[in-house]
Protein backbone atom coordinates (compact mmCIF):
# COMPACT_ATOMS: atom_id res chain seq x y z
CA MET A 1 0.05 -0.17 -0.15
CA LEU A 2 1.26 3.70 -1.10
CA LYS A 3 1.14 5.90 1.55
CA LEU A 4 0.88 9.72 1.03
CA VAL A 5 0.31 12.84 2.92
CA THR A 6 -0.91 15.79 1.03
CA VAL A 7 -0.66 18.98 2.49
CA VAL A 8 -2.50 22.12 1.50
CA GLY A 9 -3.53 25.25 2.72
CA ALA A 10 -4.99 28.05 -0.08
CA ARG A 11 -7.82 27.93 -2.88
CA PRO A 12 -5.77 26.96 -5.05
CA GLN A 13 -4.31 24.05 -3.69
CA PHE A 14 -7.86 23.15 -2.78
CA ILE A 15 -8.67 22.74 -6.70
CA LYS A 16 -5.29 21.32 -7.65
CA ALA A 17 -5.87 18.74 -4.63
CA ALA A 18 -9.51 18.00 -5.75
CA ALA A 19 -7.94 16.67 -9.36
CA VAL A 20 -5.52 14.67 -7.78
CA SER A 21 -7.37 13.32 -4.79
CA ARG A 22 -9.97 11.89 -7.39
CA ALA A 23 -7.03 10.13 -9.38
CA MET A 24 -5.67 8.54 -6.22
CA ALA A 25 -9.24 7.18 -5.39
CA ARG A 26 -9.56 5.38 -9.27
CA GLN A 27 -5.99 3.61 -8.22
CA ASP A 28 -6.20 1.05 -6.03
CA GLY A 29 -3.66 0.53 -3.29
CA ILE A 30 -3.01 3.85 -2.53
CA SER A 31 -3.87 5.67 0.91
CA GLU A 32 -3.97 9.27 0.97
CA ILE A 33 -3.88 11.66 4.32
CA MET A 34 -4.82 15.10 4.16
CA VAL A 35 -2.88 17.92 5.93
CA HIS A 36 -4.83 21.18 6.16
CA THR A 37 -2.95 23.83 7.46
CA GLY A 38 -5.34 26.53 7.72
CA GLN A 39 -3.31 29.37 6.01
CA HIS A 40 -6.90 30.19 4.02
CA PHE A 41 -9.14 29.94 7.21
CA ASP A 42 -12.31 32.26 5.81
CA ALA A 43 -15.08 29.25 4.79
CA ASN A 44 -15.75 31.13 1.72
CA MET A 45 -12.02 30.42 1.13
CA SER A 46 -11.55 26.84 2.49
CA ASP A 47 -14.64 25.19 3.59
CA ILE A 48 -16.46 25.85 0.40
CA PHE A 49 -14.07 24.46 -1.92
CA PHE A 50 -14.04 20.90 0.04
CA GLU A 51 -17.83 20.65 -0.02
CA GLU A 52 -17.83 22.01 -3.94
CA LEU A 53 -14.96 19.91 -5.33
CA GLY A 54 -15.53 16.52 -3.59
CA ILE A 55 -12.47 16.31 -1.48
CA PRO A 56 -12.23 14.49 1.96
CA ALA A 57 -12.54 16.03 4.96
CA PRO A 58 -9.15 16.93 5.92
CA ASP A 59 -7.57 14.05 8.43
CA HIS A 60 -5.49 16.76 10.14
CA HIS A 61 -6.35 20.61 10.54
CA LEU A 62 -3.51 22.71 11.76
CA GLY A 63 -5.51 25.66 12.39
CA ILE A 64 -2.65 28.20 11.50
CA ALA A 65 -2.93 31.21 9.82
CA GLY A 66 -1.89 34.86 10.03
CA GLY A 67 1.38 36.49 11.48
CA ASN A 68 4.85 37.52 9.14
CA HIS A 69 5.68 34.85 6.29
CA GLY A 70 8.36 33.90 8.44
CA GLU A 71 6.79 32.95 11.46
CA MET A 72 3.80 31.33 9.92
CA THR A 73 5.90 29.03 7.92
CA GLY A 74 7.59 27.91 11.20
CA ARG A 75 4.64 26.91 12.95
CA MET A 76 3.32 25.03 10.03
CA LEU A 77 7.02 23.08 9.55
CA GLY A 78 6.59 21.79 13.25
CA ALA A 79 2.98 20.90 13.20
CA ILE A 80 3.45 19.14 10.14
CA GLU A 81 6.89 17.97 11.10
CA THR A 82 5.00 16.01 14.16
CA ILE A 83 2.12 14.56 11.98
CA LEU A 84 4.78 13.03 9.13
CA ILE A 85 6.35 11.05 12.42
CA GLU A 86 3.14 10.06 13.21
CA GLU A 87 1.70 9.20 10.00
CA LYS A 88 5.57 7.62 8.35
CA PRO A 89 3.96 8.41 4.63
CA ASP A 90 5.97 6.94 1.60
CA TRP A 91 5.47 10.24 0.02
CA VAL A 92 4.79 14.09 0.90
CA LEU A 93 2.68 15.46 -2.04
CA VAL A 94 2.68 19.79 -2.28
CA TYR A 95 1.01 22.10 -4.24
CA GLY A 96 2.23 25.88 -6.24
CA ASP A 97 4.05 27.86 -4.18
CA THR A 98 2.81 29.25 -0.41
CA ASN A 99 4.09 29.25 2.79
CA SER A 100 1.89 25.96 3.20
CA THR A 101 3.86 24.39 0.50
CA LEU A 102 7.51 25.33 1.47
CA ALA A 103 6.80 23.72 5.46
CA GLY A 104 5.04 20.52 3.83
CA ALA A 105 8.29 20.08 1.54
CA LEU A 106 10.95 21.18 4.66
CA ALA A 107 9.27 19.14 7.07
CA ALA A 108 9.59 16.10 4.64
CA ALA A 109 12.88 16.85 3.42
CA LYS A 110 14.31 16.76 7.00
CA LEU A 111 12.85 13.81 8.01
CA HIS A 112 14.01 11.96 4.55
CA ILE A 113 10.49 11.33 3.40
CA PRO A 114 10.63 12.17 -0.67
CA VAL A 115 8.88 15.39 -1.49
CA ALA A 116 6.31 15.16 -4.71
CA HIS A 117 5.71 19.12 -5.86
CA VAL A 118 2.55 19.27 -8.44
CA GLU A 119 3.10 22.97 -10.36
CA ALA A 120 7.03 22.37 -9.98
CA GLY A 121 9.44 24.60 -11.78
CA LEU A 122 7.12 27.94 -12.33
CA ARG A 123 9.27 31.09 -11.73
CA SER A 124 8.50 34.80 -12.37
CA PHE A 125 12.56 35.81 -11.25
CA ASN A 126 11.62 37.97 -9.06
CA ARG A 127 13.28 37.16 -6.11
CA ARG A 128 10.88 39.74 -3.69
CA MET A 129 7.87 37.79 -4.53
CA PRO A 130 7.54 35.35 -1.18
CA GLU A 131 6.05 33.05 -3.73
CA GLU A 132 9.14 32.75 -5.72
CA ILE A 133 11.28 32.05 -2.93
CA ASN A 134 8.90 29.14 -1.36
CA ARG A 135 8.69 27.46 -5.40
CA VAL A 136 12.75 27.75 -5.99
CA LEU A 137 13.44 26.08 -2.38
CA THR A 138 10.62 23.60 -2.42
CA ASP A 139 11.85 22.52 -6.07
CA HIS A 140 15.54 21.92 -4.68
CA VAL A 141 14.43 19.53 -2.41
CA SER A 142 12.18 17.63 -3.93
CA THR A 143 12.42 13.96 -5.74
CA ARG A 144 9.48 14.39 -8.15
CA LEU A 145 8.67 17.51 -10.07
CA TYR A 146 5.31 17.32 -12.08
CA CYS A 147 5.66 20.45 -14.26
CA PRO A 148 2.80 22.20 -15.98
CA THR A 149 4.71 23.60 -19.04
CA ASN A 150 7.95 23.02 -20.95
CA ALA A 151 9.04 26.27 -19.97
CA ALA A 152 9.15 24.83 -15.94
CA VAL A 153 10.99 22.03 -17.42
CA LYS A 154 13.30 24.37 -19.20
CA ASN A 155 13.68 26.77 -15.85
CA LEU A 156 14.41 23.73 -13.58
CA ALA A 157 17.32 22.44 -15.99
CA ASP A 158 18.83 26.01 -15.92
CA GLU A 159 18.91 25.23 -12.28
CA GLY A 160 20.92 21.85 -12.37
CA VAL A 161 17.53 20.06 -11.68
CA ARG A 162 16.86 17.38 -13.85
CA ASP A 163 16.42 14.22 -11.92
CA GLY A 164 12.90 13.55 -11.26
CA VAL A 165 11.65 16.10 -13.40
CA ILE A 166 8.56 15.44 -15.75
CA HIS A 167 6.16 17.41 -17.86
CA VAL A 168 2.74 16.55 -17.04
CA GLY A 169 0.36 19.15 -17.96
CA ASP A 170 -1.76 21.18 -15.82
CA VAL A 171 -4.24 19.43 -13.29
CA MET A 172 -5.81 23.14 -13.02
CA TYR A 173 -7.26 22.15 -16.26
CA ASP A 174 -8.16 18.75 -15.10
CA ALA A 175 -10.32 20.47 -12.47
CA ALA A 176 -11.44 23.16 -14.91
CA LEU A 177 -13.17 20.73 -17.26
CA ASP A 178 -14.52 19.02 -14.49
CA ALA A 179 -15.76 22.14 -12.96
CA ARG A 180 -17.61 23.51 -15.88
CA GLU A 181 -20.49 21.31 -16.92
CA ARG A 182 -21.31 20.90 -12.95
CA ALA A 183 -21.37 24.63 -12.40
CA ARG A 184 -23.59 25.64 -15.12
CA SER A 185 -26.11 23.93 -13.70
CA GLY A 186 -25.44 24.64 -10.13
CA SER A 187 -24.71 27.74 -9.74
CA ASP A 188 -27.03 30.62 -9.89
CA ILE A 189 -24.34 33.64 -9.25
CA LEU A 190 -25.34 35.43 -12.35
CA VAL A 191 -29.31 35.85 -11.28
CA ARG A 192 -27.89 36.70 -7.74
CA LEU A 193 -25.60 39.68 -8.33
CA GLY A 194 -28.30 40.92 -10.99
CA LEU A 195 -25.38 40.20 -13.98
CA GLU A 196 -25.49 39.71 -17.56
CA PRO A 197 -23.35 37.67 -19.63
CA GLY A 198 -20.83 39.61 -21.55
CA ARG A 199 -21.66 42.84 -19.73
CA TYR A 200 -18.68 42.79 -16.92
CA SER A 201 -15.29 41.99 -16.05
CA LEU A 202 -13.88 40.02 -13.24
CA ALA A 203 -11.19 40.99 -10.78
CA THR A 204 -9.33 39.18 -8.46
CA VAL A 205 -6.29 40.82 -6.15
CA HIS A 206 -4.52 39.58 -3.45
CA ARG A 207 -0.64 39.32 -3.76
CA ALA A 208 1.51 40.70 -1.21
CA GLU A 209 2.86 43.03 -3.65
CA ASN A 210 -0.11 44.72 -4.33
CA THR A 211 -1.88 44.76 -0.53
CA ASN A 212 1.49 45.52 1.62
CA ASP A 213 1.97 48.74 -0.19
CA ALA A 214 -0.68 51.65 -0.27
CA ALA A 215 0.69 53.27 -3.57
CA SER A 216 0.66 50.01 -5.37
CA LEU A 217 -3.30 48.78 -4.09
CA ARG A 218 -3.87 52.36 -5.25
CA ALA A 219 -2.10 51.97 -8.49
CA VAL A 220 -4.27 48.34 -8.77
CA ILE A 221 -7.68 50.13 -7.71
CA ALA A 222 -7.08 53.32 -10.11
CA HIS A 223 -6.69 50.58 -13.08
CA LEU A 224 -10.00 48.58 -12.04
CA GLU A 225 -11.96 52.23 -11.57
CA LYS A 226 -10.71 52.83 -15.49
CA VAL A 227 -12.13 49.60 -16.68
CA ALA A 228 -15.46 50.17 -14.51
CA ALA A 229 -16.17 53.44 -16.34
CA GLU A 230 -16.98 51.31 -19.37
CA ARG A 231 -18.74 48.13 -17.56
CA THR A 232 -19.53 46.31 -14.24
CA VAL A 233 -16.16 45.36 -12.69
CA VAL A 234 -16.80 42.33 -10.00
CA LEU A 235 -14.52 42.00 -7.60
CA PRO A 236 -15.00 39.08 -4.92
CA LEU A 237 -12.80 40.64 -2.05
CA HIS A 238 -9.95 38.46 -0.63
CA PRO A 239 -9.76 39.15 3.23
CA ARG A 240 -5.95 40.31 3.02
CA THR A 241 -7.46 43.57 0.36
CA ALA A 242 -10.18 43.84 2.64
CA GLN A 243 -7.89 44.60 5.31
CA ALA A 244 -5.18 46.37 3.17
CA SER A 245 -7.92 49.11 1.53
CA ALA A 246 -9.41 49.81 4.97
CA ARG A 247 -5.77 49.99 6.21
CA PHE A 248 -4.85 52.48 3.65
CA GLY A 249 -8.03 54.50 3.34
CA VAL A 250 -8.34 52.90 -0.52
CA SER A 251 -11.88 53.13 -1.50
CA LEU A 252 -13.62 50.05 -3.68
CA LYS A 253 -16.96 51.97 -4.23
CA ALA A 254 -16.07 52.39 -7.76
CA LEU A 255 -16.56 48.39 -7.89
CA LYS A 256 -19.26 45.76 -7.71
CA VAL A 257 -17.46 44.25 -4.42
CA ILE A 258 -18.54 40.70 -3.31
CA GLU A 259 -17.75 37.88 -0.69
CA PRO A 260 -15.17 35.33 -1.84
CA VAL A 261 -16.92 33.08 -4.23
CA GLY A 262 -16.32 28.92 -4.07
CA TYR A 263 -14.92 27.24 -7.54
CA LEU A 264 -18.42 26.81 -9.06
CA ASP A 265 -19.72 30.32 -8.62
CA MET A 266 -16.13 31.48 -9.89
CA SER A 267 -16.31 29.10 -13.15
CA VAL A 268 -19.57 30.62 -13.68
CA LEU A 269 -18.19 33.75 -13.21
CA LEU A 270 -15.75 33.38 -15.45
CA ASP A 271 -17.59 31.75 -18.12
CA GLY A 272 -19.80 35.35 -18.52
CA CYS A 273 -17.37 37.91 -18.37
CA VAL A 274 -16.07 40.12 -20.78
CA ASP A 275 -12.25 40.04 -19.38
CA VAL A 276 -10.21 39.21 -16.24
CA HIS A 277 -7.77 41.48 -14.09
CA THR A 278 -6.11 39.17 -11.59
CA ASP A 279 -2.65 39.42 -9.91
CA SER A 280 -3.35 35.55 -8.98
CA GLY A 281 -1.13 32.83 -11.41
CA GLY A 282 -4.13 30.34 -10.71
CA VAL A 283 -6.84 32.90 -11.98
CA GLN A 284 -4.88 33.73 -15.18
CA LYS A 285 -4.75 30.27 -16.43
CA GLU A 286 -8.71 29.79 -15.49
CA ALA A 287 -9.01 32.89 -17.94
CA TYR A 288 -7.09 31.15 -20.84
CA PHE A 289 -9.70 27.15 -20.14
CA HIS A 290 -12.54 29.93 -20.43
CA GLY A 291 -11.36 31.02 -23.25
CA LYS A 292 -11.40 34.76 -21.54
CA PRO A 293 -8.20 37.49 -22.24
CA CYS A 294 -6.32 38.17 -19.14
CA VAL A 295 -4.71 41.39 -17.96
CA THR A 296 -2.10 40.68 -15.24
CA LEU A 297 -1.82 43.15 -12.29
CA ARG A 298 1.94 42.26 -11.93
CA GLY A 299 5.28 43.12 -13.23
CA GLU A 300 5.95 39.58 -14.79
CA THR A 301 4.31 36.18 -14.58
CA GLU A 302 5.07 32.71 -14.25
CA TRP A 303 2.97 31.68 -17.10
CA VAL A 304 4.57 32.71 -19.81
CA GLU A 305 2.98 30.86 -22.58
CA THR A 306 -0.49 32.50 -21.95
CA VAL A 307 1.23 36.05 -22.88
CA GLU A 308 3.41 34.21 -25.96
CA ALA A 309 -0.21 32.60 -27.19
CA GLY A 310 -1.79 36.10 -26.85
CA TRP A 311 -4.59 35.36 -24.20
CA ASN A 312 -2.57 37.64 -21.18
CA ARG A 313 -0.93 40.35 -20.89
CA LEU A 314 0.72 42.35 -18.48
CA TRP A 315 -0.81 45.65 -17.23
CA SER A 316 2.39 47.22 -18.21
CA ALA A 317 1.75 46.26 -22.06
CA SER A 318 -0.53 48.02 -24.26
CA ASP A 319 -2.11 45.38 -26.07
CA TYR A 320 -2.20 41.43 -26.34
CA LYS A 321 0.01 39.45 -29.06
CA GLN A 322 -1.81 38.50 -31.69
CA PRO A 323 -2.86 36.20 -33.09
CA ARG A 324 -4.56 34.11 -30.15
CA GLN A 325 -3.12 30.60 -30.62
CA PRO A 326 -3.97 27.70 -28.60
CA ILE A 327 -1.84 26.15 -25.54
CA ASP A 328 -0.99 22.71 -26.20
CA GLU A 329 1.42 21.88 -23.03
CA TYR A 330 -1.44 22.14 -20.98
CA GLY A 331 -2.30 18.58 -21.99
CA ARG A 332 -5.61 16.68 -22.22
CA GLY A 333 -7.09 16.70 -18.58
CA ASN A 334 -5.39 13.83 -17.23
CA ALA A 335 -2.58 15.43 -15.68
CA ALA A 336 -3.69 14.40 -12.27
CA ASP A 337 -3.85 10.37 -13.44
CA LEU A 338 -0.37 10.64 -14.82
CA ILE A 339 0.92 12.00 -11.53
CA VAL A 340 -0.59 9.50 -9.31
CA SER A 341 0.86 6.59 -12.05
CA ASN A 342 4.44 7.71 -11.94
CA LEU A 343 3.94 8.11 -8.05
CA PHE A 344 2.60 4.54 -8.03
CA ARG A 345 5.22 3.18 -10.08
CA ALA A 346 7.81 4.92 -8.39
CA ASN A 347 6.94 2.72 -5.24
CA THR A 348 6.95 -0.56 -6.92
């Protein structure tokens, strides 16, 4: 029996883990232990994703949220280490680039438990981003590095990381395909919000670089206000952004601010919008999966292929590259099955 401990803590990780957990359930001989760090603790940012995506309830919920990056990561590291000593897994599976990702990877590596990193190899090349530090360190202690793109494979090779690197495609694409039809019949969010398809833009803002500095947040909101002069801008408000806007006195009144939404509601909002404005890496890709142009509210993006294919542009750029092209390297919606199959073979 292959025993894995999966460490998650934030919205994008719940979505990715749902796809991989479903693939595990289809494979005999695998036991998964789910650890939720609590990094995203709000019900609309956590509980609803477990319910909608059919993720098993966490076996361990650490309830660790808030504080500075070092403090949060340190608390997670100690708590996860205790669980790993108790559970004795064959592998630890981590996702993405959050503090939960790094804590899970470090705890496993120090106990000589092999680490599998889903969404490995992404780089913004901006070391001021906490997420970039988390990605690099996690990749360099991982045994299996499951890359969503060819660019990610190249990034790792450039850093001397070649063993255990596998291009599997993007598990977010798996999740998007699974959710799309269920969302269209299972969500009435457009009716609830009084929105018409094709008459609004969708925005998300949460990155530290945009919320920790008053001038940066004002610049982002000013950009969204310009869009709002032409059509409604819907902003599901992240708790960090809500706190920052209150702290810096940044008004959001020009925008249609709503509570954070679950994955099915978000899928419908993406399906019906004109375009997307976001600082989230995951939402940039979700925009592409729904065939929507995206403006990235940052100076760089990890998802360079979305820019090259004409679907995405940095907000400093005047226009998109044309013509728009499909992105084949995200795979065919079977990335999760490829990951599980590879891990299973690695343990036999």
